Protein backbone atom coordinates (compact mmCIF):
# COMPACT_ATOMS: atom_id res chain seq x y z
CA MET A 1 116.11 106.56 108.84
CA LYS A 2 115.69 106.71 112.69
CA ILE A 3 114.44 110.14 112.29
CA PHE A 4 111.67 108.95 109.76
CA PHE A 5 110.94 106.20 112.05
CA ILE A 6 110.21 108.60 114.98
CA ILE A 7 108.22 110.95 112.85
CA ASN A 8 106.24 108.01 111.26
CA LEU A 9 105.38 106.88 114.75
CA ILE A 10 104.49 110.13 115.73
CA ASN A 11 102.09 110.36 112.90
CA PHE A 12 100.81 106.80 113.79
CA ILE A 13 99.83 107.81 117.11
CA ILE A 14 98.12 111.09 115.58
CA SER A 15 96.14 108.78 113.21
CA LEU A 16 94.67 106.84 116.14
CA ASN A 17 91.76 109.08 116.40
CA VAL A 18 89.54 106.47 115.62
CA PHE A 19 87.88 106.74 112.16
CA ALA A 20 85.98 103.49 112.70
CA ASN A 21 82.65 105.62 112.86
CA GLN A 22 83.74 108.76 110.95
CA LYS A 23 83.95 109.24 107.58
CA ILE A 24 87.62 110.24 106.03
CA LYS A 25 87.61 113.34 103.95
CA LEU A 26 90.58 113.60 101.76
CA ALA A 27 91.65 116.49 99.16
CA VAL A 28 93.87 116.07 96.12
CA VAL A 29 95.70 118.47 94.16
CA THR A 30 96.25 118.62 90.53
CA ALA A 31 98.27 120.88 88.29
CA ARG A 32 95.75 121.85 85.81
CA ASP A 33 92.01 121.72 85.07
CA GLN A 34 89.34 119.51 85.45
CA ASN A 35 89.72 118.71 81.63
CA ASP A 36 93.16 117.57 81.58
CA PRO A 37 93.82 114.36 79.84
CA PHE A 38 95.87 112.96 82.37
CA PHE A 39 94.67 114.55 85.71
CA SER A 40 91.03 113.92 84.84
CA MET A 41 91.98 110.20 84.84
CA VAL A 42 94.07 110.77 88.24
CA VAL A 43 90.99 112.07 89.94
CA ASP A 44 88.32 109.85 88.36
CA PHE A 45 90.32 106.50 89.32
CA MET A 46 90.98 107.75 92.84
CA ARG A 47 87.43 108.86 93.20
CA LEU A 48 86.36 105.24 92.30
CA SER A 49 88.67 103.99 95.18
CA CYS A 50 87.46 106.75 97.67
CA GLU A 51 83.64 105.65 96.71
CA SER A 52 84.47 102.05 97.75
CA LEU A 53 86.07 102.94 100.81
CA ASP A 54 83.37 105.42 101.75
CA ILE A 55 85.84 108.29 101.70
CA ASP A 56 84.64 111.66 100.73
CA LEU A 57 87.11 113.24 98.01
CA LYS A 58 87.58 116.80 97.03
CA ALA A 59 89.58 117.74 93.89
CA ILE A 60 91.23 120.87 93.82
CA TYR A 61 92.42 121.94 90.43
CA ALA A 62 95.36 124.81 90.19
CA ASN A 63 94.48 125.52 86.45
CA ASP A 64 98.16 126.19 85.99
CA ASP A 65 98.09 129.05 88.24
CA LEU A 66 99.98 129.43 91.54
CA LYS A 67 98.18 132.29 92.97
CA PHE A 68 94.95 130.36 92.32
CA LEU A 69 96.32 127.15 94.07
CA ASN A 70 97.65 129.10 97.05
CA ASP A 71 94.01 130.73 97.84
CA GLU A 72 92.49 127.35 97.46
CA LEU A 73 94.64 125.75 99.82
CA LYS A 74 94.22 128.64 102.28
CA LEU A 75 90.70 128.09 101.91
CA ALA A 76 91.13 124.21 102.79
CA ILE A 77 93.15 125.02 105.53
CA TYR A 78 90.76 127.55 106.94
CA GLU A 79 87.73 125.31 106.68
CA LYS A 80 89.77 122.55 108.38
CA LYS A 81 87.35 119.67 107.16
CA TYR A 82 90.12 117.43 105.43
CA ASP A 83 91.91 114.70 107.18
CA ALA A 84 94.74 114.78 104.89
CA ILE A 85 95.67 116.67 101.60
CA ILE A 86 97.30 114.65 98.53
CA LEU A 87 99.43 117.22 96.64
CA MET A 88 102.37 117.59 94.19
CA ASN A 89 105.21 119.76 93.51
CA PHE A 90 103.77 122.35 91.48
CA LYS A 91 106.00 124.97 90.26
CA ASN A 92 108.68 124.14 92.69
CA GLN A 93 106.75 125.18 95.77
CA LEU A 94 106.64 122.00 97.40
CA ILE A 95 108.65 123.16 100.54
CA LYS A 96 106.40 126.24 100.84
CA MET A 97 103.50 124.40 100.55
CA SER A 98 104.76 121.53 103.19
CA GLN A 99 105.82 124.22 105.61
CA LEU A 100 102.20 125.60 105.23
CA PHE A 101 100.60 122.22 106.13
CA GLU A 102 102.92 121.64 109.09
CA GLU A 103 102.00 125.05 110.43
CA ASN A 104 98.71 124.29 110.40
CA LYS A 105 99.16 120.60 111.51
CA ILE A 106 97.42 119.13 108.39
CA PRO A 107 98.52 115.81 107.39
CA PHE A 108 99.66 115.66 103.64
CA PHE A 109 100.85 112.77 101.34
CA ILE A 110 103.05 113.87 98.15
CA TYR A 111 102.47 112.02 94.78
CA ASN A 112 103.31 112.53 91.22
CA SER A 113 105.98 114.86 91.55
CA GLY A 114 108.19 115.34 94.71
CA PHE A 115 110.89 117.49 96.17
CA ASP A 116 113.10 118.19 93.20
CA PHE A 117 117.06 116.98 93.78
CA GLU A 118 118.94 120.66 94.56
CA THR A 119 116.01 121.70 96.63
CA GLU A 120 115.86 118.43 98.65
CA GLU A 121 119.82 118.41 99.24
CA ALA A 122 119.81 122.00 99.94
CA ASN A 123 116.94 121.73 102.51
CA ASN A 124 118.11 117.94 104.00
CA ASN A 125 117.76 119.14 107.57
CA ILE A 126 113.94 119.86 106.84
CA ARG A 127 111.82 117.31 108.38
CA PHE A 128 107.98 117.41 108.11
CA LYS A 129 106.33 115.86 111.14
CA TYR A 130 102.75 115.82 109.26
CA LEU A 131 104.13 114.48 105.84
CA LEU A 132 102.77 110.86 105.75
CA GLY A 133 104.57 109.60 102.60
CA GLU A 134 105.07 109.94 98.97
CA MET A 135 104.12 107.76 95.97
CA LEU A 136 106.26 108.74 93.14
CA PRO A 137 106.36 107.27 89.59
CA LYS A 138 109.93 105.86 88.49
CA ASP A 139 110.10 108.68 85.53
CA GLU A 140 113.74 108.21 84.95
CA ASP A 141 112.94 104.74 83.95
CA SER A 142 109.60 105.69 82.03
CA GLY A 143 112.00 108.01 79.91
CA TYR A 144 114.69 105.29 79.67
CA GLU A 145 112.14 102.55 78.35
CA LEU A 146 110.41 104.78 76.22
CA ALA A 147 113.77 105.59 74.26
CA LYS A 148 114.76 102.07 74.12
CA ILE A 149 111.27 100.93 72.63
CA ILE A 150 111.17 104.13 70.23
CA SER A 151 114.91 103.15 69.01
CA LYS A 152 114.07 99.70 68.32
CA GLU A 153 111.31 100.41 65.97
CA THR A 154 112.90 103.45 64.56
CA GLY A 155 115.80 101.54 62.66
CA VAL A 156 119.22 102.94 61.20
CA SER A 157 119.71 105.81 58.84
CA SER A 158 121.92 105.80 55.75
CA ASP A 159 124.84 106.66 57.91
CA GLY A 160 124.24 103.76 60.00
CA LYS A 161 122.97 105.37 62.99
CA ILE A 162 119.37 105.66 64.86
CA HIS A 163 118.52 109.24 65.03
CA LEU A 164 116.05 110.61 67.57
CA LEU A 165 114.64 114.06 68.28
CA GLY A 166 113.12 114.79 71.85
CA ILE A 167 110.46 117.29 73.17
CA GLY A 168 110.33 117.66 77.06
CA GLY A 169 107.56 119.22 79.28
CA THR A 170 108.42 122.17 81.31
CA ILE A 171 112.07 122.63 81.68
CA ALA A 172 112.07 122.96 85.32
CA ASP A 173 109.44 120.31 85.94
CA GLN A 174 110.73 117.43 88.07
CA ALA A 175 108.71 114.71 86.12
CA SER A 176 110.19 116.35 82.86
CA ILE A 177 113.84 116.38 84.26
CA GLU A 178 113.47 112.67 85.32
CA ARG A 179 112.23 111.56 82.14
CA VAL A 180 114.83 113.52 79.96
CA LYS A 181 117.43 112.09 82.42
CA GLY A 182 116.52 108.46 81.32
CA LEU A 183 116.41 109.52 77.78
CA ASN A 184 120.06 110.75 78.17
CA LYS A 185 121.17 107.61 79.80
CA PHE A 186 119.87 105.40 77.57
CA ILE A 187 121.64 107.59 74.43
CA ASN A 188 124.82 107.45 76.66
CA GLU A 189 124.62 103.76 76.87
CA SER A 190 124.32 103.23 73.10
CA ASN A 191 128.22 103.98 72.71
CA GLY A 192 127.38 106.38 69.72
CA LYS A 193 124.97 104.06 67.94
CA ILE A 194 121.69 106.19 68.76
CA ILE A 195 122.00 110.06 68.30
CA LEU A 196 119.67 112.16 69.92
CA ASP A 197 119.91 115.37 67.33
CA GLU A 198 117.87 117.82 69.15
CA ILE A 199 115.80 118.19 72.34
CA THR A 200 113.47 121.05 73.05
CA TYR A 201 110.62 121.63 75.57
CA ALA A 202 107.04 122.18 75.08
CA ASN A 203 105.49 122.82 78.42
CA TRP A 204 103.40 119.98 78.25
CA LYS A 205 101.03 121.43 75.42
CA ARG A 206 99.85 119.76 72.40
CA ASP A 207 99.96 123.29 70.18
CA GLU A 208 103.25 124.12 71.26
CA ALA A 209 104.69 120.57 70.40
CA ALA A 210 103.07 120.51 67.16
CA ASP A 211 104.77 123.71 66.08
CA LYS A 212 108.34 122.98 67.66
CA ILE A 213 108.60 119.59 65.88
CA LYS A 214 108.03 121.28 62.57
CA GLU A 215 111.30 123.42 63.11
CA LEU A 216 112.90 120.11 64.39
CA HIS A 217 112.09 118.28 61.51
CA ARG A 218 113.11 120.90 59.30
CA LEU A 219 116.64 120.88 60.79
CA HIS A 220 116.80 116.98 61.11
CA PRO A 221 114.82 115.51 58.43
CA LYS A 222 116.15 112.33 58.93
CA SER A 223 115.19 111.79 62.40
CA ARG A 224 112.33 109.18 62.48
CA GLY A 225 112.17 108.51 66.35
CA ILE A 226 110.33 111.06 68.57
CA TRP A 227 110.64 110.54 72.03
CA VAL A 228 108.12 112.84 73.95
CA ALA A 229 107.74 113.54 77.67
CA ASN A 230 103.93 113.06 77.43
CA ASP A 231 101.09 112.04 75.47
CA GLU A 232 99.68 115.45 74.91
CA MET A 233 102.75 116.70 73.33
CA ALA A 234 102.95 113.19 71.58
CA LEU A 235 99.77 113.86 69.97
CA GLY A 236 100.82 117.28 68.78
CA VAL A 237 103.40 115.52 66.72
CA VAL A 238 101.31 113.16 65.25
CA ASN A 239 98.89 115.98 63.83
CA SER A 240 101.85 117.62 62.49
CA PHE A 241 103.62 114.65 60.76
CA GLU A 242 100.10 113.67 59.39
CA ILE A 243 99.61 116.97 57.42
CA ILE A 244 103.21 116.55 55.94
CA LYS A 245 102.63 112.71 55.56
CA PHE A 246 106.10 111.88 57.31
CA LYS A 247 106.17 108.42 58.87
CA SER A 248 107.81 108.34 62.18
CA ILE A 249 107.82 106.26 65.40
CA ILE A 250 106.44 108.50 68.15
CA GLY A 251 106.22 107.96 71.91
CA GLY A 252 104.82 109.35 74.67
CA VAL A 253 103.83 109.16 78.74
CA ASP A 254 100.65 108.96 80.65
CA TRP A 255 98.20 106.42 78.84
CA THR A 256 95.53 109.11 78.31
CA LYS A 257 92.54 107.85 76.49
CA GLU A 258 93.49 109.73 73.28
CA ALA A 259 96.96 108.47 73.40
CA ILE A 260 95.80 104.72 73.87
CA GLN A 261 93.34 105.01 71.06
CA SER A 262 96.07 106.42 68.73
CA VAL A 263 98.04 103.33 69.41
CA LYS A 264 95.15 101.26 68.29
CA ASN A 265 95.00 103.29 65.34
CA LYS A 266 98.65 103.01 64.64
CA LYS A 267 99.55 106.70 64.80
CA LEU A 268 101.08 106.74 67.98
CA TYR A 269 103.54 103.77 68.58
CA VAL A 270 103.90 103.59 72.54
CA THR A 271 102.66 105.17 75.68
CA MET A 272 104.12 104.71 79.12
CA GLY A 273 101.73 104.73 81.81
CA GLY A 274 100.11 103.35 84.76
CA HIS A 275 100.97 106.18 87.17
CA PHE A 276 97.48 107.89 87.11
CA MET A 277 96.38 105.20 89.43
CA ASP A 278 98.76 106.17 92.29
CA GLY A 279 95.74 108.40 93.81
CA GLY A 280 93.62 105.60 93.88
CA TRP A 281 96.52 103.20 95.92
CA ILE A 282 97.25 106.29 98.12
CA SER A 283 93.56 106.50 99.20
CA ILE A 284 93.71 102.86 100.25
CA LEU A 285 96.93 103.44 102.33
CA LEU A 286 95.47 106.60 104.09
CA TYR A 287 92.21 104.56 104.64
CA ASP A 288 94.37 101.96 106.61
CA TYR A 289 96.42 104.90 108.09
CA PHE A 290 93.38 106.51 109.76
CA HIS A 291 92.08 102.90 110.85
CA GLY A 292 95.53 102.44 112.92
CA ILE A 293 97.57 100.60 110.28
CA HIS A 294 100.71 102.27 109.09
CA PHE A 295 101.70 101.38 105.65
CA THR A 296 105.51 102.39 106.24
CA SER A 297 106.28 99.08 107.85
CA ASP A 298 105.56 97.30 104.57
CA LEU A 299 106.30 99.79 101.68
CA GLY A 300 108.37 102.19 103.64
CA PHE A 301 108.27 106.12 103.63
CA LYS A 302 108.93 106.90 99.81
CA ILE A 303 107.17 104.29 97.60
CA SER A 304 107.86 103.90 94.22
CA SER A 305 104.97 103.14 91.66
CA TRP A 306 105.12 101.35 88.12
CA THR A 307 104.70 102.27 84.62
CA ALA A 308 104.48 99.91 81.68
CA PRO A 309 104.05 100.39 77.92
CA ILE A 310 101.09 100.26 75.91
CA ASP A 311 102.03 99.82 72.40
CA GLN A 312 101.11 98.46 68.95
CA GLU A 313 102.13 94.68 69.99
CA ASN A 314 100.12 94.69 73.55
CA ILE A 315 97.37 96.96 72.94
CA SER A 316 94.45 94.33 72.72
CA LYS A 317 95.38 93.47 76.29
CA TYR A 318 95.16 96.69 77.73
CA ILE A 319 92.22 97.61 75.71
CA LYS A 320 90.26 94.90 77.52
CA SER A 321 91.41 95.89 80.98
CA ILE A 322 92.93 98.87 82.68
CA GLY A 323 93.37 100.67 79.24
CA ASN A 324 89.58 100.87 78.96
CA LYS A 325 87.93 103.66 81.60
CA ALA A 326 84.79 101.57 81.23
CA ASN A 327 86.39 98.51 82.71
CA TRP A 328 87.64 100.22 86.13
CA LYS A 329 84.47 99.74 87.93
CA LYS A 330 85.58 96.09 87.69
CA ILE A 331 88.22 96.72 90.18
CA ASN A 332 87.62 95.79 93.69
CA PHE A 333 89.47 98.44 95.62
CA ARG A 334 88.65 96.78 99.22
CA LYS A 335 90.58 93.73 98.55
CA TYR A 336 93.87 95.86 98.85
CA SER A 337 93.22 97.47 102.00
CA LYS A 338 94.94 95.35 105.27
CA PHE A 339 92.26 96.80 107.44
CA LEU A 340 89.45 95.29 105.74
CA ASN A 341 91.42 91.97 105.18
CA PRO A 342 93.42 91.30 108.29
CA GLU A 343 95.13 88.37 106.54
CA LEU A 344 97.07 90.56 104.00
CA LYS A 345 100.80 90.59 104.73
CA LYS A 346 101.91 92.84 102.18
CA TYR A 347 100.22 95.54 100.02
CA ASP A 348 100.10 94.53 96.39
CA PHE A 349 99.37 97.31 93.82
CA SER A 350 101.46 95.72 91.07
CA GLU A 351 100.39 95.48 87.33
CA LYS A 352 99.96 91.68 87.39
CA THR A 353 97.65 91.71 90.51
CA LEU A 354 95.85 94.48 89.08
CA LEU A 355 95.08 93.03 85.69
CA SER A 356 94.17 89.51 87.29
CA GLN A 357 91.09 91.38 87.99
CA PHE A 358 90.14 91.60 84.56
CA ASN A 359 90.58 87.84 83.68
């Protein structure tokens, strides 16, 4: 903790370059392309936050291509026009990318997916002076809560057990690993009452999930609860089961527009989400940081963001608020800034505070 305090103190001093009369320029890295259902939401929400704070935002899309992303990052570094870069752990290259920023003295912030456990333990002596902080969703908790909701709605089979099937993302992706960990934790705590018949991986892709669920269903026809690590794959499962008219309880993660509509139409049962807003909250923290207010004294260096379920029971509440993109412009992002609101004692990006803006 002392090491992190010293690092953050250095960063705080670096930040005092007086941005009062200078526009802040940020870049955010996403794993896929600009049409990706989840990451397009991340960028759009973050852009609204940046616009309200008069911040320039550049989105760098990796297009699922590591070489392409490396070239884009090198160009961003060469141009030297970004005050900070917000990035994620793409294809387990976060250590290398962090070293690149460190060597070029570029502040950076981690979101969505952080250092994986084994790498972090193996490199626990590595410290990055220009790493400002990280905001990560509680993916294990999301996986656990998703399993809990699906199990409750699925009901018992003729053998007195609740049977589930699982579809993870990419087997080495940290978000998928953590969500699957939450699923397994819930199964283990059931003391044999809930059975995970099989889990497979579909690389976050709808078509791949649609194909794989057909084989899982053939092998385990009694399994009605389908746990899926993201909404895109969950919608693939919905499509496959619609064709064969098999009734099931399907849940995913991300709160994508199509998934929320699918919940409304009673096809998908639940989607866990809220973490698409993290980029918006990070832009506020960086705005304050570059105006001399360091967020770690309040939130710490590692920040956990919240996720919540949108299901067939509470869908109306979210459709009227954050679940409808048309309503995002109602959010007053400036009220979250300590620099703009000196009376604020603590940052509060909670779901409760957010939803209160739609009342």
